[in-house]
Amino acid sequence: MEPLVTVDDDAVVVTAVKLADDESGDVIVRFHESRGGRAKATLRAGFPVAEVVPVDLLERPTGEPQRQGDGIPVTLRPFELVTLRLKRA
């Protein structure tokens, strides 16, 4: 079975993968940079993703939705925590 989410940089740690609280079927992914440096990584979902929306810890949008292709590029500052809402295709 394929994992729901993978990331290609060991410094980026996925801490949560869950369904959105609003029962929309969207997937919430939380991750952070763990080594105290900057990190560039690609997050990949094990399911088709139509749109990615940055959200806060209460799952409220904090940025504009972005259409996605194969992977989701992320850039993190030292110890930065990021939460994304992945809207399924």
N, C-alpha and C. Protein backbone atom coordinates (compact mmCIF):
# COMPACT_ATOMS: atom_id res chain seq x y z
N MET A 1 0.83 -1.18 0.00
CA MET A 1 0.00 0.00 0.00
C MET A 1 0.88 1.25 0.00
N GLU A 2 0.53 2.20 -0.83
CA GLU A 2 1.28 3.45 -0.96
C GLU A 2 0.96 4.39 0.19
N PRO A 3 1.97 5.10 0.74
CA PRO A 3 1.70 6.05 1.82
C PRO A 3 0.82 7.20 1.34
N LEU A 4 0.07 7.79 2.24
CA LEU A 4 -0.79 8.93 1.88
C LEU A 4 0.03 10.14 1.46
N VAL A 5 1.16 10.38 2.16
CA VAL A 5 2.00 11.55 1.89
C VAL A 5 3.46 11.16 2.07
N THR A 6 4.32 11.62 1.16
CA THR A 6 5.76 11.43 1.31
C THR A 6 6.45 12.78 1.08
N VAL A 7 7.65 12.89 1.60
CA VAL A 7 8.45 14.10 1.41
C VAL A 7 9.87 13.65 1.11
N ASP A 8 10.59 14.38 0.24
CA ASP A 8 11.89 13.92 -0.23
C ASP A 8 13.09 14.52 0.50
N ASP A 9 12.89 15.14 1.65
CA ASP A 9 13.99 15.70 2.43
C ASP A 9 13.84 15.23 3.88
N ASP A 10 14.88 14.60 4.42
CA ASP A 10 14.83 14.07 5.78
C ASP A 10 14.66 15.15 6.85
N ALA A 11 14.99 16.39 6.52
CA ALA A 11 14.85 17.48 7.49
C ALA A 11 13.39 17.90 7.66
N VAL A 12 12.54 17.52 6.72
CA VAL A 12 11.12 17.87 6.78
C VAL A 12 10.37 16.67 7.33
N VAL A 13 9.68 16.88 8.45
CA VAL A 13 8.97 15.82 9.15
C VAL A 13 7.47 16.05 9.07
N VAL A 14 6.75 15.07 8.54
CA VAL A 14 5.29 15.14 8.50
C VAL A 14 4.79 14.71 9.88
N THR A 15 4.03 15.58 10.54
CA THR A 15 3.56 15.30 11.90
C THR A 15 2.10 14.91 11.95
N ALA A 16 1.33 15.22 10.92
CA ALA A 16 -0.09 14.85 10.92
C ALA A 16 -0.62 14.76 9.50
N VAL A 17 -1.45 13.76 9.28
CA VAL A 17 -2.23 13.61 8.05
C VAL A 17 -3.62 13.21 8.50
N LYS A 18 -4.61 14.04 8.20
CA LYS A 18 -5.96 13.77 8.69
C LYS A 18 -6.99 14.36 7.74
N LEU A 19 -8.23 13.92 7.88
CA LEU A 19 -9.31 14.52 7.12
C LEU A 19 -9.66 15.87 7.73
N ALA A 20 -10.07 16.81 6.89
CA ALA A 20 -10.46 18.14 7.37
C ALA A 20 -11.65 18.04 8.31
N ASP A 21 -11.66 18.91 9.31
CA ASP A 21 -12.73 18.92 10.31
C ASP A 21 -14.11 19.24 9.73
N ASP A 22 -14.16 19.91 8.57
CA ASP A 22 -15.45 20.29 7.98
C ASP A 22 -16.10 19.16 7.19
N GLU A 23 -15.53 17.97 7.23
CA GLU A 23 -16.06 16.77 6.56
C GLU A 23 -16.18 16.93 5.05
N SER A 24 -15.32 17.75 4.45
CA SER A 24 -15.33 17.98 3.01
C SER A 24 -14.64 16.87 2.23
N GLY A 25 -13.87 16.05 2.93
CA GLY A 25 -13.09 15.02 2.25
C GLY A 25 -11.68 15.49 1.92
N ASP A 26 -11.40 16.78 2.17
CA ASP A 26 -10.04 17.31 1.96
C ASP A 26 -9.10 16.70 3.00
N VAL A 27 -7.83 16.66 2.65
CA VAL A 27 -6.83 16.09 3.55
C VAL A 27 -5.95 17.22 4.09
N ILE A 28 -5.75 17.24 5.40
CA ILE A 28 -4.90 18.22 6.06
C ILE A 28 -3.55 17.56 6.34
N VAL A 29 -2.47 18.25 5.95
CA VAL A 29 -1.11 17.74 6.17
C VAL A 29 -0.34 18.80 6.94
N ARG A 30 0.25 18.40 8.07
CA ARG A 30 1.10 19.29 8.87
C ARG A 30 2.51 18.74 8.85
N PHE A 31 3.48 19.64 8.69
CA PHE A 31 4.88 19.22 8.66
C PHE A 31 5.74 20.39 9.12
N HIS A 32 6.99 20.07 9.47
CA HIS A 32 7.91 21.12 9.92
C HIS A 32 9.34 20.78 9.55
N GLU A 33 10.18 21.82 9.59
CA GLU A 33 11.61 21.65 9.39
C GLU A 33 12.19 21.31 10.76
N SER A 34 12.98 20.24 10.83
CA SER A 34 13.39 19.69 12.13
C SER A 34 14.85 19.90 12.52
N ARG A 35 15.66 20.47 11.65
CA ARG A 35 17.10 20.53 11.94
C ARG A 35 17.64 21.93 12.18
N GLY A 36 16.79 22.92 12.17
CA GLY A 36 17.26 24.28 12.42
C GLY A 36 17.89 24.96 11.22
N GLY A 37 17.59 24.50 10.03
CA GLY A 37 18.11 25.11 8.81
C GLY A 37 16.99 25.31 7.81
N ARG A 38 17.33 25.88 6.70
CA ARG A 38 16.32 26.03 5.64
C ARG A 38 16.21 24.71 4.89
N ALA A 39 15.02 24.44 4.37
CA ALA A 39 14.82 23.20 3.63
C ALA A 39 13.94 23.45 2.41
N LYS A 40 14.28 22.80 1.31
CA LYS A 40 13.45 22.78 0.11
C LYS A 40 13.12 21.32 -0.13
N ALA A 41 11.84 21.04 -0.26
CA ALA A 41 11.42 19.66 -0.43
C ALA A 41 10.22 19.60 -1.37
N THR A 42 9.91 18.39 -1.79
CA THR A 42 8.71 18.16 -2.57
C THR A 42 7.83 17.19 -1.80
N LEU A 43 6.62 17.61 -1.54
CA LEU A 43 5.63 16.80 -0.86
C LEU A 43 4.81 16.11 -1.94
N ARG A 44 4.61 14.81 -1.81
CA ARG A 44 3.83 14.06 -2.79
C ARG A 44 2.70 13.33 -2.07
N ALA A 45 1.52 13.41 -2.65
CA ALA A 45 0.36 12.72 -2.09
C ALA A 45 0.15 11.41 -2.83
N GLY A 46 -0.34 10.41 -2.13
CA GLY A 46 -0.63 9.11 -2.73
C GLY A 46 -2.00 9.08 -3.38
N PHE A 47 -2.56 10.25 -3.66
CA PHE A 47 -3.87 10.37 -4.29
C PHE A 47 -3.84 11.63 -5.16
N PRO A 48 -4.71 11.74 -6.15
CA PRO A 48 -4.71 12.94 -7.01
C PRO A 48 -5.13 14.18 -6.23
N VAL A 49 -4.36 15.26 -6.42
CA VAL A 49 -4.62 16.53 -5.74
C VAL A 49 -4.97 17.57 -6.79
N ALA A 50 -6.12 18.22 -6.62
CA ALA A 50 -6.54 19.26 -7.55
C ALA A 50 -6.03 20.64 -7.14
N GLU A 51 -5.97 20.87 -5.82
CA GLU A 51 -5.64 22.20 -5.32
C GLU A 51 -5.01 22.08 -3.94
N VAL A 52 -4.10 23.01 -3.66
CA VAL A 52 -3.44 23.07 -2.35
C VAL A 52 -3.69 24.45 -1.76
N VAL A 53 -4.14 24.49 -0.51
CA VAL A 53 -4.43 25.75 0.16
C VAL A 53 -3.66 25.80 1.47
N PRO A 54 -2.81 26.81 1.69
CA PRO A 54 -2.18 26.95 3.01
C PRO A 54 -3.25 27.35 4.02
N VAL A 55 -3.21 26.72 5.19
CA VAL A 55 -4.19 26.99 6.24
C VAL A 55 -3.49 27.15 7.58
N ASP A 56 -4.22 27.71 8.56
CA ASP A 56 -3.68 27.80 9.91
C ASP A 56 -4.03 26.53 10.68
N LEU A 57 -3.70 26.49 11.95
CA LEU A 57 -3.95 25.28 12.75
C LEU A 57 -5.43 25.00 12.95
N LEU A 58 -6.28 26.01 12.72
CA LEU A 58 -7.73 25.80 12.81
C LEU A 58 -8.33 25.53 11.43
N GLU A 59 -7.47 25.31 10.44
CA GLU A 59 -7.84 24.94 9.07
C GLU A 59 -8.53 26.07 8.32
N ARG A 60 -8.23 27.33 8.71
CA ARG A 60 -8.74 28.49 7.99
C ARG A 60 -7.70 28.90 6.96
N PRO A 61 -8.12 29.23 5.73
CA PRO A 61 -7.16 29.61 4.68
C PRO A 61 -6.31 30.80 5.09
N THR A 62 -5.01 30.72 4.79
CA THR A 62 -4.09 31.82 5.06
C THR A 62 -3.44 32.34 3.78
N GLY A 63 -3.76 31.72 2.66
CA GLY A 63 -3.18 32.11 1.39
C GLY A 63 -4.09 31.69 0.26
N GLU A 64 -3.64 31.98 -0.94
CA GLU A 64 -4.42 31.67 -2.14
C GLU A 64 -4.27 30.20 -2.52
N PRO A 65 -5.35 29.58 -3.03
CA PRO A 65 -5.24 28.21 -3.52
C PRO A 65 -4.29 28.14 -4.71
N GLN A 66 -3.59 27.02 -4.82
CA GLN A 66 -2.68 26.81 -5.93
C GLN A 66 -3.03 25.50 -6.60
N ARG A 67 -3.08 25.52 -7.92
CA ARG A 67 -3.30 24.28 -8.67
C ARG A 67 -2.03 23.46 -8.60
N GLN A 68 -2.15 22.15 -8.54
CA GLN A 68 -0.98 21.31 -8.39
C GLN A 68 -0.86 20.28 -9.48
N GLY A 69 0.37 19.94 -9.76
CA GLY A 69 0.66 18.87 -10.69
C GLY A 69 1.12 17.65 -9.93
N ASP A 70 2.31 17.16 -10.27
CA ASP A 70 2.82 15.92 -9.70
C ASP A 70 3.23 16.04 -8.24
N GLY A 71 3.92 17.10 -7.88
CA GLY A 71 4.41 17.27 -6.51
C GLY A 71 4.14 18.67 -6.00
N ILE A 72 4.24 18.84 -4.70
CA ILE A 72 3.99 20.13 -4.08
C ILE A 72 5.32 20.66 -3.54
N PRO A 73 5.92 21.65 -4.20
CA PRO A 73 7.19 22.19 -3.70
C PRO A 73 6.97 23.03 -2.44
N VAL A 74 7.81 22.81 -1.43
CA VAL A 74 7.72 23.58 -0.19
C VAL A 74 9.10 24.09 0.18
N THR A 75 9.15 25.29 0.71
CA THR A 75 10.38 25.89 1.22
C THR A 75 10.11 26.29 2.66
N LEU A 76 10.96 25.82 3.57
CA LEU A 76 10.73 26.07 5.00
C LEU A 76 11.92 26.78 5.62
N ARG A 77 11.60 27.68 6.55
CA ARG A 77 12.62 28.33 7.38
C ARG A 77 12.95 27.39 8.54
N PRO A 78 13.99 27.69 9.31
CA PRO A 78 14.33 26.84 10.45
C PRO A 78 13.14 26.64 11.40
N PHE A 79 12.82 25.41 11.67
CA PHE A 79 11.76 24.98 12.60
C PHE A 79 10.36 25.47 12.21
N GLU A 80 10.18 25.91 10.98
CA GLU A 80 8.87 26.40 10.54
C GLU A 80 7.86 25.26 10.48
N LEU A 81 6.65 25.53 10.95
CA LEU A 81 5.53 24.60 10.90
C LEU A 81 4.59 25.05 9.78
N VAL A 82 4.18 24.10 8.92
CA VAL A 82 3.30 24.41 7.79
C VAL A 82 2.11 23.46 7.82
N THR A 83 0.93 24.00 7.54
CA THR A 83 -0.27 23.18 7.42
C THR A 83 -0.89 23.47 6.05
N LEU A 84 -1.16 22.41 5.30
CA LEU A 84 -1.76 22.55 3.97
C LEU A 84 -3.05 21.74 3.90
N ARG A 85 -3.99 22.26 3.15
CA ARG A 85 -5.24 21.53 2.84
C ARG A 85 -5.10 21.04 1.41
N LEU A 86 -5.17 19.74 1.22
CA LEU A 86 -5.09 19.15 -0.11
C LEU A 86 -6.51 18.79 -0.55
N LYS A 87 -6.97 19.48 -1.60
CA LYS A 87 -8.29 19.18 -2.13
C LYS A 87 -8.13 18.08 -3.17
N ARG A 88 -8.86 17.01 -2.99
CA ARG A 88 -8.73 15.85 -3.85
C ARG A 88 -9.32 16.12 -5.24
N ALA A 89 -8.68 15.54 -6.24
CA ALA A 89 -9.16 15.69 -7.63
C ALA A 89 -10.30 14.73 -7.90
